[in-house]
Amino acid sequence: MRPTFPTAPRRERHDLVNLRDNENPFGGPHRHYPDNGNDNLVAAYTRALDAVEPVPDGPAHPRWRWGPENVLITRGAADGLDLIFRTFFEPASDAVAVTPPSFALFDELATVYRIARLPVPLRGERLDRLDVERLAALPAKGVILCDPGNPTGTCLDRRDVLALLESFPGLVVIDEAYVECSGRVSYRHLIPERPNLVVVRSMSKALGLAALRLGAVFAHPDLLTALRKTRLPYSLP
């Protein structure tokens, strides 16, 4: 399946009226549909993240650059999660593992899209440990994590997350909506070596921009291509 609407900006001649999309030729600066790729916003956002958030130890991936091929801007983190459920999980067929207590939206999306839920409760006094062995053995197509946790407010033990990425063959989605409050390194930096990892971020909380409804999905280019195929056209006004 190919995307219904291309992400690249179209070429236009200023002496012609575009009738394909029935755009108003007299509408001033707002006469065109918005950029469907959001390249400028992706560049500004990733530059800001590189400047303000902790960076991982060790050398960066030599050929990896953050850009529109591996970052998708969404209408908040919730829109990114909804897109992930719609794109990668088959209704009435697939299952996802969740780790309660966790973000209630995970359960709601699974219910709406008829995706079976396989709960594996968090462990430890601080509810920060994963039962990695049990999660890896489940017949699930994906594991949905919230880190930092909502409503727990704690970060998962990084050793458990790394062990899960090593042992689980399916998709691992990490909702990092509150990562700026934690001081830890984002898991987005693992994506070059972990093509099954998807990281969801929010600008609403970190930047105090709740009303703008902006978020982002970080993933391997192949996964981003799939997400663009199911995303509504011109989804960001």
C-alpha atoms as a PDB file:
ATOM      1  CA  MET A   1       0.000   0.000   0.000  1.00  0.00           C
ATOM      2  CA  ARG A   2       1.281   3.443  -0.923  1.00  0.00           C
ATOM      3  CA  PRO A   3       0.498   6.675   0.939  1.00  0.00           C
ATOM      4  CA  THR A   4      -2.612   8.372  -0.439  1.00  0.00           C
ATOM      5  CA  PHE A   5      -0.948  11.769  -0.306  1.00  0.00           C
ATOM      6  CA  PRO A   6       2.772  12.277  -0.981  1.00  0.00           C
ATOM      7  CA  THR A   7       4.805  13.916   1.751  1.00  0.00           C
ATOM      8  CA  ALA A   8       7.081  15.863  -0.595  1.00  0.00           C
ATOM      9  CA  PRO A   9       5.900  19.410  -1.405  1.00  0.00           C
ATOM     10  CA  ARG A  10       4.494  19.722  -4.889  1.00  0.00           C
ATOM     11  CA  ARG A  11       5.953  21.967  -7.547  1.00  0.00           C
ATOM     12  CA  GLU A  12       3.678  24.731  -8.752  1.00  0.00           C
ATOM     13  CA  ARG A  13       3.688  27.443 -11.361  1.00  0.00           C
ATOM     14  CA  HIS A  14       2.472  30.727  -9.984  1.00  0.00           C
ATOM     15  CA  ASP A  15       0.706  31.629 -13.214  1.00  0.00           C
ATOM     16  CA  LEU A  16      -1.602  28.587 -12.993  1.00  0.00           C
ATOM     17  CA  VAL A  17      -4.561  27.889 -10.712  1.00  0.00           C
ATOM     18  CA  ASN A  18      -4.414  24.515  -8.978  1.00  0.00           C
ATOM     19  CA  LEU A  19      -7.780  22.826  -9.563  1.00  0.00           C
ATOM     20  CA  ARG A  20      -6.768  19.364  -8.327  1.00  0.00           C
ATOM     21  CA  ASP A  21      -7.442  20.118  -4.643  1.00  0.00           C
ATOM     22  CA  ASN A  22      -9.989  22.900  -5.228  1.00  0.00           C
ATOM     23  CA  GLU A  23      -7.794  25.374  -3.372  1.00  0.00           C
ATOM     24  CA  ASN A  24      -8.836  29.019  -3.304  1.00  0.00           C
ATOM     25  CA  PRO A  25      -6.462  30.960  -5.582  1.00  0.00           C
ATOM     26  CA  PHE A  26      -7.438  34.212  -3.816  1.00  0.00           C
ATOM     27  CA  GLY A  27      -7.028  32.960  -0.236  1.00  0.00           C
ATOM     28  CA  GLY A  28      -3.789  34.730   0.547  1.00  0.00           C
ATOM     29  CA  PRO A  29      -1.087  32.942   2.602  1.00  0.00           C
ATOM     30  CA  HIS A  30      -3.565  30.297   3.806  1.00  0.00           C
ATOM     31  CA  ARG A  31      -4.782  29.231   0.381  1.00  0.00           C
ATOM     32  CA  HIS A  32      -2.717  26.024   0.242  1.00  0.00           C
ATOM     33  CA  TYR A  33      -3.025  22.824   2.210  1.00  0.00           C
ATOM     34  CA  PRO A  34      -0.302  22.587   4.871  1.00  0.00           C
ATOM     35  CA  ASP A  35       2.996  20.776   4.415  1.00  0.00           C
ATOM     36  CA  ASN A  36       2.281  17.062   4.663  1.00  0.00           C
ATOM     37  CA  GLY A  37       5.831  16.189   5.706  1.00  0.00           C
ATOM     38  CA  ASN A  38       6.543  18.869   8.350  1.00  0.00           C
ATOM     39  CA  ASP A  39      10.253  18.776   7.472  1.00  0.00           C
ATOM     40  CA  ASN A  40      11.024  22.177   9.010  1.00  0.00           C
ATOM     41  CA  LEU A  41       9.280  21.290  12.255  1.00  0.00           C
ATOM     42  CA  VAL A  42      11.105  17.944  12.455  1.00  0.00           C
ATOM     43  CA  ALA A  43      14.442  19.727  12.014  1.00  0.00           C
ATOM     44  CA  ALA A  44      13.661  22.356  14.660  1.00  0.00           C
ATOM     45  CA  TYR A  45      12.396  19.784  17.160  1.00  0.00           C
ATOM     46  CA  THR A  46      15.337  17.405  16.823  1.00  0.00           C
ATOM     47  CA  ARG A  47      17.815  20.296  17.089  1.00  0.00           C
ATOM     48  CA  ALA A  48      16.112  21.362  20.309  1.00  0.00           C
ATOM     49  CA  LEU A  49      16.252  17.822  21.719  1.00  0.00           C
ATOM     50  CA  ASP A  50      19.930  17.458  20.867  1.00  0.00           C
ATOM     51  CA  ALA A  51      20.616  20.731  22.678  1.00  0.00           C
ATOM     52  CA  VAL A  52      18.651  20.257  25.884  1.00  0.00           C
ATOM     53  CA  GLU A  53      18.324  16.560  26.718  1.00  0.00           C
ATOM     54  CA  PRO A  54      20.973  14.171  28.063  1.00  0.00           C
ATOM     55  CA  VAL A  55      23.041  12.383  25.438  1.00  0.00           C
ATOM     56  CA  PRO A  56      24.113   8.737  25.644  1.00  0.00           C
ATOM     57  CA  ASP A  57      27.621   7.622  26.492  1.00  0.00           C
ATOM     58  CA  GLY A  58      29.806   6.403  23.669  1.00  0.00           C
ATOM     59  CA  PRO A  59      30.037   7.422  19.991  1.00  0.00           C
ATOM     60  CA  ALA A  60      26.934   8.208  17.988  1.00  0.00           C
ATOM     61  CA  HIS A  61      25.820   5.937  15.166  1.00  0.00           C
ATOM     62  CA  PRO A  62      28.071   7.015  12.256  1.00  0.00           C
ATOM     63  CA  ARG A  63      25.401   7.084   9.530  1.00  0.00           C
ATOM     64  CA  TRP A  64      22.326   7.974  11.562  1.00  0.00           C
ATOM     65  CA  ARG A  65      20.701  11.390  11.385  1.00  0.00           C
ATOM     66  CA  TRP A  66      17.336  12.414  12.819  1.00  0.00           C
ATOM     67  CA  GLY A  67      15.028  13.689  10.098  1.00  0.00           C
ATOM     68  CA  PRO A  68      11.664  13.148   8.374  1.00  0.00           C
ATOM     69  CA  GLU A  69      12.635   9.578   7.466  1.00  0.00           C
ATOM     70  CA  ASN A  70      12.715   8.508  11.134  1.00  0.00           C
ATOM     71  CA  VAL A  71      10.687  11.196  12.968  1.00  0.00           C
ATOM     72  CA  LEU A  72       6.953  11.724  12.438  1.00  0.00           C
ATOM     73  CA  ILE A  73       5.244  14.772  13.960  1.00  0.00           C
ATOM     74  CA  THR A  74       1.775  13.978  15.332  1.00  0.00           C
ATOM     75  CA  ARG A  75      -1.128  15.738  17.040  1.00  0.00           C
ATOM     76  CA  GLY A  76       0.232  15.001  20.483  1.00  0.00           C
ATOM     77  CA  ALA A  77       1.613  11.721  21.809  1.00  0.00           C
ATOM     78  CA  ALA A  78      -1.888  10.222  21.938  1.00  0.00           C
ATOM     79  CA  ASP A  79      -2.259  10.623  18.177  1.00  0.00           C
ATOM     80  CA  GLY A  80       1.060   8.815  17.721  1.00  0.00           C
ATOM     81  CA  LEU A  81      -0.098   5.922  19.894  1.00  0.00           C
ATOM     82  CA  ASP A  82      -3.400   5.709  18.015  1.00  0.00           C
ATOM     83  CA  LEU A  83      -1.515   5.593  14.722  1.00  0.00           C
ATOM     84  CA  ILE A  84       0.735   2.801  16.016  1.00  0.00           C
ATOM     85  CA  PHE A  85      -2.252   0.671  17.034  1.00  0.00           C
ATOM     86  CA  ARG A  86      -3.993   1.230  13.688  1.00  0.00           C
ATOM     87  CA  THR A  87      -0.900   0.485  11.647  1.00  0.00           C
ATOM     88  CA  PHE A  88       0.817  -2.473  13.277  1.00  0.00           C
ATOM     89  CA  PHE A  89      -1.887  -4.552  15.000  1.00  0.00           C
ATOM     90  CA  GLU A  90      -4.588  -6.584  13.276  1.00  0.00           C
ATOM     91  CA  PRO A  91      -8.062  -6.331  14.870  1.00  0.00           C
ATOM     92  CA  ALA A  92      -9.446  -9.533  16.394  1.00  0.00           C
ATOM     93  CA  SER A  93      -6.162 -11.286  15.610  1.00  0.00           C
ATOM     94  CA  ASP A  94      -3.152  -9.692  17.318  1.00  0.00           C
ATOM     95  CA  ALA A  95      -2.360  -9.169  20.996  1.00  0.00           C
ATOM     96  CA  VAL A  96      -0.278  -6.601  22.868  1.00  0.00           C
ATOM     97  CA  ALA A  97       1.352  -6.902  26.268  1.00  0.00           C
ATOM     98  CA  VAL A  98       0.832  -4.095  28.787  1.00  0.00           C
ATOM     99  CA  THR A  99       2.397  -3.595  32.209  1.00  0.00           C
ATOM    100  CA  PRO A 100      -0.173  -2.291  34.719  1.00  0.00           C
ATOM    101  CA  PRO A 101      -0.385   0.099  36.392  1.00  0.00           C
ATOM    102  CA  SER A 102       0.162   2.074  33.208  1.00  0.00           C
ATOM    103  CA  PHE A 103      -1.343   4.719  30.947  1.00  0.00           C
ATOM    104  CA  ALA A 104      -5.079   4.050  30.572  1.00  0.00           C
ATOM    105  CA  LEU A 105      -5.028   5.017  26.884  1.00  0.00           C
ATOM    106  CA  PHE A 106      -3.186   1.775  26.073  1.00  0.00           C
ATOM    107  CA  ASP A 107      -6.198  -0.237  27.260  1.00  0.00           C
ATOM    108  CA  GLU A 108      -8.659   2.091  25.530  1.00  0.00           C
ATOM    109  CA  LEU A 109      -6.915   1.828  22.166  1.00  0.00           C
ATOM    110  CA  ALA A 110      -6.702  -1.947  22.451  1.00  0.00           C
ATOM    111  CA  THR A 111     -10.432  -2.067  23.174  1.00  0.00           C
ATOM    112  CA  VAL A 112     -11.377   0.267  20.317  1.00  0.00           C
ATOM    113  CA  TYR A 113      -9.284  -1.642  17.767  1.00  0.00           C
ATOM    114  CA  ARG A 114     -10.150  -5.093  19.154  1.00  0.00           C
ATOM    115  CA  ILE A 115      -6.564  -5.952  20.076  1.00  0.00           C
ATOM    116  CA  ALA A 116      -6.228  -8.526  22.852  1.00  0.00           C
ATOM    117  CA  ARG A 117      -4.504  -7.277  26.012  1.00  0.00           C
ATOM    118  CA  LEU A 118      -2.023  -9.466  27.869  1.00  0.00           C
ATOM    119  CA  PRO A 119      -1.286  -7.777  31.238  1.00  0.00           C
ATOM    120  CA  VAL A 120       2.028  -8.439  32.979  1.00  0.00           C
ATOM    121  CA  PRO A 121       2.084  -6.297  36.159  1.00  0.00           C
ATOM    122  CA  LEU A 122       5.116  -4.222  37.072  1.00  0.00           C
ATOM    123  CA  ARG A 123       7.250  -5.566  39.911  1.00  0.00           C
ATOM    124  CA  GLY A 124       9.368  -4.141  42.712  1.00  0.00           C
ATOM    125  CA  GLU A 125       8.604  -1.780  45.563  1.00  0.00           C
ATOM    126  CA  ARG A 126       8.771   1.190  43.210  1.00  0.00           C
ATOM    127  CA  LEU A 127       6.899  -0.566  40.386  1.00  0.00           C
ATOM    128  CA  ASP A 128       9.945  -0.096  38.178  1.00  0.00           C
ATOM    129  CA  ARG A 129      10.836  -3.669  37.235  1.00  0.00           C
ATOM    130  CA  LEU A 130       9.665  -5.661  34.209  1.00  0.00           C
ATOM    131  CA  ASP A 131       9.004  -9.377  34.221  1.00  0.00           C
ATOM    132  CA  VAL A 132      11.165  -9.743  31.132  1.00  0.00           C
ATOM    133  CA  GLU A 133      11.043 -13.520  30.924  1.00  0.00           C
ATOM    134  CA  ARG A 134       7.252 -13.583  31.024  1.00  0.00           C
ATOM    135  CA  LEU A 135       6.877 -10.712  28.542  1.00  0.00           C
ATOM    136  CA  ALA A 136       9.257 -12.325  26.075  1.00  0.00           C
ATOM    137  CA  ALA A 137       7.366 -15.611  26.204  1.00  0.00           C
ATOM    138  CA  LEU A 138       3.923 -14.145  25.486  1.00  0.00           C
ATOM    139  CA  PRO A 139       2.192 -14.677  22.119  1.00  0.00           C
ATOM    140  CA  ALA A 140       2.081 -10.907  21.632  1.00  0.00           C
ATOM    141  CA  LYS A 141       2.911  -8.881  18.556  1.00  0.00           C
ATOM    142  CA  GLY A 142       4.027  -5.925  20.663  1.00  0.00           C
ATOM    143  CA  VAL A 143       4.808  -4.672  24.160  1.00  0.00           C
ATOM    144  CA  ILE A 144       3.586  -1.210  25.151  1.00  0.00           C
ATOM    145  CA  LEU A 145       5.581   0.482  27.923  1.00  0.00           C
ATOM    146  CA  CYS A 146       5.225   3.821  29.691  1.00  0.00           C
ATOM    147  CA  ASP A 147       8.536   5.237  30.938  1.00  0.00           C
ATOM    148  CA  PRO A 148       8.482   7.356  33.043  1.00  0.00           C
ATOM    149  CA  GLY A 149       5.377   5.623  34.287  1.00  0.00           C
ATOM    150  CA  ASN A 150       1.922   7.138  34.366  1.00  0.00           C
ATOM    151  CA  PRO A 151       0.550   6.978  37.083  1.00  0.00           C
ATOM    152  CA  THR A 152       3.572   5.513  38.944  1.00  0.00           C
ATOM    153  CA  GLY A 153       5.940   8.433  38.302  1.00  0.00           C
ATOM    154  CA  THR A 154       8.963   6.115  38.319  1.00  0.00           C
ATOM    155  CA  CYS A 155      11.368   5.071  35.566  1.00  0.00           C
ATOM    156  CA  LEU A 156      11.736   1.468  34.510  1.00  0.00           C
ATOM    157  CA  ASP A 157      14.990  -0.264  35.333  1.00  0.00           C
ATOM    158  CA  ARG A 158      17.090   0.279  32.205  1.00  0.00           C
ATOM    159  CA  ARG A 159      18.569  -3.216  32.451  1.00  0.00           C
ATOM    160  CA  ASP A 160      15.073  -4.692  32.108  1.00  0.00           C
ATOM    161  CA  VAL A 161      14.247  -2.555  29.069  1.00  0.00           C
ATOM    162  CA  LEU A 162      17.485  -3.551  27.350  1.00  0.00           C
ATOM    163  CA  ALA A 163      16.894  -7.215  28.185  1.00  0.00           C
ATOM    164  CA  LEU A 164      13.383  -7.005  26.713  1.00  0.00           C
ATOM    165  CA  LEU A 165      14.685  -5.457  23.494  1.00  0.00           C
ATOM    166  CA  GLU A 166      17.204  -8.272  23.295  1.00  0.00           C
ATOM    167  CA  SER A 167      14.757 -11.126  23.901  1.00  0.00           C
ATOM    168  CA  PHE A 168      11.387 -10.003  22.516  1.00  0.00           C
ATOM    169  CA  PRO A 169      11.048 -10.407  18.725  1.00  0.00           C
ATOM    170  CA  GLY A 170       8.042  -8.119  18.264  1.00  0.00           C
ATOM    171  CA  LEU A 171       7.472  -4.388  18.434  1.00  0.00           C
ATOM    172  CA  VAL A 172       8.479  -2.549  21.624  1.00  0.00           C
ATOM    173  CA  VAL A 173       6.727   0.814  22.028  1.00  0.00           C
ATOM    174  CA  ILE A 174       7.905   3.182  24.766  1.00  0.00           C
ATOM    175  CA  ASP A 175       5.733   6.166  25.644  1.00  0.00           C
ATOM    176  CA  GLU A 176       8.172   8.856  26.828  1.00  0.00           C
ATOM    177  CA  ALA A 177       5.673  11.677  27.346  1.00  0.00           C
ATOM    178  CA  TYR A 178       7.274  12.590  30.690  1.00  0.00           C
ATOM    179  CA  VAL A 179      10.913  11.777  29.919  1.00  0.00           C
ATOM    180  CA  GLU A 180      11.989  15.411  30.272  1.00  0.00           C
ATOM    181  CA  CYS A 181      10.968  15.203  33.940  1.00  0.00           C
ATOM    182  CA  SER A 182      13.231  12.211  34.594  1.00  0.00           C
ATOM    183  CA  GLY A 183      16.756  13.326  33.688  1.00  0.00           C
ATOM    184  CA  ARG A 184      17.482   9.997  31.995  1.00  0.00           C
ATOM    185  CA  VAL A 185      18.675   9.429  28.436  1.00  0.00           C
ATOM    186  CA  SER A 186      15.898   8.874  25.919  1.00  0.00           C
ATOM    187  CA  TYR A 187      15.557   5.413  24.427  1.00  0.00           C
ATOM    188  CA  ARG A 188      15.314   7.026  20.984  1.00  0.00           C
ATOM    189  CA  HIS A 189      19.104   6.736  20.736  1.00  0.00           C
ATOM    190  CA  LEU A 190      18.789   2.923  20.625  1.00  0.00           C
ATOM    191  CA  ILE A 191      16.651   2.941  17.475  1.00  0.00           C
ATOM    192  CA  PRO A 192      19.580   2.732  14.990  1.00  0.00           C
ATOM    193  CA  GLU A 193      20.527  -0.635  16.496  1.00  0.00           C
ATOM    194  CA  ARG A 194      16.992  -1.751  17.445  1.00  0.00           C
ATOM    195  CA  PRO A 195      14.668  -1.591  14.410  1.00  0.00           C
ATOM    196  CA  ASN A 196      11.786  -3.043  16.474  1.00  0.00           C
ATOM    197  CA  LEU A 197      11.819  -0.078  18.891  1.00  0.00           C
ATOM    198  CA  VAL A 198       9.336   2.819  18.638  1.00  0.00           C
ATOM    199  CA  VAL A 199       9.564   5.853  20.943  1.00  0.00           C
ATOM    200  CA  VAL A 200       6.668   8.275  21.395  1.00  0.00           C
ATOM    201  CA  ARG A 201       7.328  11.807  22.639  1.00  0.00           C
ATOM    202  CA  SER A 202       5.192  14.788  23.643  1.00  0.00           C
ATOM    203  CA  MET A 203       5.822  18.515  23.256  1.00  0.00           C
ATOM    204  CA  SER A 204       2.727  19.374  25.274  1.00  0.00           C
ATOM    205  CA  LYS A 205       4.247  18.626  28.669  1.00  0.00           C
ATOM    206  CA  ALA A 206       7.953  19.198  28.087  1.00  0.00           C
ATOM    207  CA  LEU A 207       7.621  22.566  26.360  1.00  0.00           C
ATOM    208  CA  GLY A 208       4.428  23.816  28.017  1.00  0.00           C
ATOM    209  CA  LEU A 209       2.626  23.777  24.657  1.00  0.00           C
ATOM    210  CA  ALA A 210      -0.466  21.777  25.581  1.00  0.00           C
ATOM    211  CA  ALA A 211      -2.852  23.716  23.342  1.00  0.00           C
ATOM    212  CA  LEU A 212      -0.725  23.155  20.221  1.00  0.00           C
ATOM    213  CA  ARG A 213      -1.177  19.360  20.495  1.00  0.00           C
ATOM    214  CA  LEU A 214       2.229  18.342  19.182  1.00  0.00           C
ATOM    215  CA  GLY A 215       4.008  15.033  19.632  1.00  0.00           C
ATOM    216  CA  ALA A 216       6.396  12.838  17.711  1.00  0.00           C
ATOM    217  CA  VAL A 217       7.077   9.200  16.875  1.00  0.00           C
ATOM    218  CA  PHE A 218      10.720   8.133  16.568  1.00  0.00           C
ATOM    219  CA  ALA A 219      11.282   4.856  14.714  1.00  0.00           C
ATOM    220  CA  HIS A 220      13.271   3.051  12.042  1.00  0.00           C
ATOM    221  CA  PRO A 221      12.559   4.383   8.521  1.00  0.00           C
ATOM    222  CA  ASP A 222      10.729   1.194   7.512  1.00  0.00           C
ATOM    223  CA  LEU A 223       8.303   1.612  10.404  1.00  0.00           C
ATOM    224  CA  LEU A 224       7.838   5.321   9.655  1.00  0.00           C
ATOM    225  CA  THR A 225       6.956   4.454   6.068  1.00  0.00           C
ATOM    226  CA  ALA A 226       4.215   2.146   7.329  1.00  0.00           C
ATOM    227  CA  LEU A 227       2.871   4.819   9.698  1.00  0.00           C
ATOM    228  CA  ARG A 228       2.644   7.347   6.881  1.00  0.00           C
ATOM    229  CA  LYS A 229       0.533   4.932   4.848  1.00  0.00           C
ATOM    230  CA  THR A 230      -2.227   4.940   7.479  1.00  0.00           C
ATOM    231  CA  ARG A 231      -1.946   8.550   8.649  1.00  0.00           C
ATOM    232  CA  LEU A 232      -4.692  10.920   7.568  1.00  0.00           C
ATOM    233  CA  PRO A 233      -3.536  13.473   4.986  1.00  0.00           C
ATOM    234  CA  TYR A 234      -2.562  16.931   6.218  1.00  0.00           C
ATOM    235  CA  SER A 235      -3.118  15.778   9.787  1.00  0.00           C
ATOM    236  CA  LEU A 236      -1.183  18.705  11.280  1.00  0.00           C
ATOM    237  CA  PRO A 237      -2.817  22.079  10.587  1.00  0.00           C
END
